[in-house]
Protein backbone atom coordinates (compact mmCIF):
# COMPACT_ATOMS: atom_id res chain seq x y z
CA MET A 1 0.00 0.00 0.00
CA LEU A 2 2.99 2.31 0.41
CA LYS A 3 3.97 1.97 -3.26
CA ASP A 4 3.28 4.68 -5.80
CA LEU A 5 0.31 3.29 -7.69
CA PRO A 6 -2.01 4.92 -10.20
CA LEU A 7 -5.22 6.05 -8.51
CA SER A 8 -7.38 3.37 -10.16
CA GLU A 9 -5.03 0.58 -8.99
CA HIS A 10 -4.84 2.09 -5.50
CA ILE A 11 -8.65 2.15 -5.29
CA HIS A 12 -8.88 -1.43 -6.58
CA GLN A 13 -6.32 -2.64 -4.02
CA HIS A 14 -8.06 -0.74 -1.23
CA CYS A 15 -11.42 -2.27 -2.19
CA ASN A 16 -10.01 -5.79 -2.32
CA GLU A 17 -8.30 -5.52 1.06
CA SER A 18 -11.33 -3.93 2.72
CA MET A 19 -13.62 -6.59 1.21
CA GLU A 20 -11.40 -9.41 2.48
CA ARG A 21 -11.31 -7.90 5.97
CA ALA A 22 -15.09 -7.46 6.00
CA LEU A 23 -15.60 -11.08 4.97
CA LEU A 24 -13.23 -12.28 7.68
CA ALA A 25 -14.91 -10.10 10.31
CA GLU A 26 -18.36 -11.58 9.74
CA ARG A 27 -18.80 -15.27 10.33
CA HIS A 28 -21.77 -15.84 8.00
CA PRO A 29 -22.53 -12.58 6.20
CA LEU A 30 -25.96 -12.46 4.60
CA TRP A 31 -24.53 -10.49 1.71
CA ALA A 32 -21.88 -13.07 0.73
CA ARG A 33 -23.16 -14.09 -2.66
CA SER A 34 -22.36 -12.72 -6.05
CA CYS A 35 -24.14 -11.25 -9.02
CA PRO A 36 -22.88 -12.48 -12.40
CA GLU A 37 -23.63 -9.18 -14.18
CA LEU A 38 -21.77 -6.98 -11.70
CA LYS A 39 -19.38 -8.49 -9.18
CA ASP A 40 -19.45 -7.02 -5.68
CA ILE A 41 -15.85 -5.84 -5.86
CA ASP A 42 -16.60 -4.00 -9.13
CA PHE A 43 -19.72 -2.47 -7.59
CA ILE A 44 -17.62 -1.11 -4.72
CA ARG A 45 -14.92 0.16 -7.06
CA PHE A 46 -17.50 1.84 -9.32
CA GLY A 47 -19.00 3.49 -6.23
CA LEU A 48 -15.66 4.93 -5.16
CA LEU A 49 -14.88 6.07 -8.68
CA ARG A 50 -18.33 7.69 -8.90
CA CYS A 51 -17.62 9.63 -5.69
CA ILE A 52 -14.32 11.05 -6.92
CA SER A 53 -15.31 11.59 -10.56
CA VAL A 54 -16.23 15.02 -11.82
CA VAL A 55 -19.47 14.12 -13.60
CA ASP A 56 -22.99 15.51 -13.72
CA SER A 57 -25.00 12.32 -13.25
CA GLY A 58 -24.91 8.54 -12.97
CA ARG A 59 -25.35 8.20 -16.74
CA HIS A 60 -22.53 10.64 -17.35
CA PHE A 61 -20.36 8.62 -14.96
CA LEU A 62 -21.04 5.39 -16.86
CA GLN A 63 -20.18 7.05 -20.18
CA THR A 64 -17.01 8.63 -18.75
CA ASN A 65 -16.01 5.38 -17.10
CA GLU A 66 -16.33 3.55 -20.40
CA GLN A 67 -14.26 6.18 -22.21
CA ILE A 68 -11.49 6.46 -19.59
CA TYR A 69 -11.24 2.92 -18.22
CA GLY A 70 -12.75 0.97 -21.12
CA GLN A 71 -15.21 -0.73 -18.80
CA ARG A 72 -18.71 -1.00 -20.17
CA LEU A 73 -21.54 -1.47 -17.70
CA PRO A 74 -25.21 -1.54 -18.76
CA HIS A 75 -27.21 1.34 -17.31
CA SER A 76 -29.99 -0.90 -16.01
CA THR A 77 -27.57 -3.20 -14.16
CA TYR A 78 -25.79 -0.28 -12.50
CA PHE A 79 -28.94 1.56 -11.41
CA LYS A 80 -30.70 -1.61 -10.16
CA SER A 81 -27.63 -2.53 -8.12
CA LEU A 82 -27.79 0.86 -6.35
CA LYS A 83 -31.21 -0.12 -4.91
CA SER A 84 -30.17 -3.58 -3.71
CA HIS A 85 -30.69 -4.25 0.02
CA ARG A 86 -28.05 -6.99 -0.12
CA ARG A 87 -25.46 -4.58 -1.49
CA THR A 88 -26.40 -2.00 1.14
CA SER A 89 -25.68 -4.55 3.87
CA MET A 90 -22.42 -5.40 2.16
CA LEU A 91 -21.38 -1.74 2.03
CA GLU A 92 -22.21 -1.26 5.72
CA ALA A 93 -19.93 -4.15 6.66
CA LEU A 94 -17.27 -3.01 4.25
CA ASN A 95 -17.40 0.57 5.48
CA SER A 96 -16.41 -0.30 9.03
CA ARG A 97 -13.48 -2.40 7.77
CA ALA A 98 -12.43 0.28 5.26
CA ILE A 99 -12.39 2.99 7.94
CA ILE A 100 -10.04 0.94 10.13
CA PHE A 101 -7.86 0.09 7.14
CA THR A 102 -7.72 3.73 6.01
CA LEU A 103 -6.93 5.07 9.48
CA LYS A 104 -4.03 2.63 9.88
CA HIS A 105 -2.72 3.60 6.44
CA CYS A 106 -2.97 7.34 7.23
CA TYR A 107 -1.26 6.81 10.59
CA ARG A 108 1.67 5.03 8.91
CA LYS A 109 1.94 7.79 6.32
CA THR A 110 1.86 10.45 9.05
CA LEU A 111 4.66 8.71 10.94
CA ILE A 112 6.76 8.60 7.78
CA ILE A 113 6.17 12.30 7.12
CA LEU A 114 7.01 13.23 10.71
CA LYS A 115 10.17 11.15 10.60
CA HIS A 116 11.29 12.88 7.41
CA SER A 117 10.41 16.33 8.72
CA ARG A 118 12.43 15.71 11.88
CA ASN A 119 15.37 14.58 9.78
CA LEU A 120 15.10 17.77 7.73
CA THR A 121 15.00 20.03 10.78
CA ASN A 122 17.96 18.26 12.41
CA THR A 123 20.24 18.60 9.40
CA PRO A 124 22.39 21.75 9.10
């Protein structure tokens, strides 16, 4: 996670690690099944990309996503998945794991920055 990765790869890695931690944290999650049209990990990744994309609407996001990342997703599949109760439960479980994961990552980064800033101030 400390490597310099392109944003899309960083998001994908973050989603995968958070998903794995959420699955491990819940013994028998009710949301642990998959949809063949849109895998859960892709749903999560699309959600994060949608949040950070500069677009006007969900349709615009899907068009932009296809142009930039070359990933085509049918409109109906995407919009139906947003209303899924199963996916909502999955995101709730994932969110708590992602927050812990993100806080640990930020803490490590902060320690690295502080260490470097101390080294800079101690050098003549």
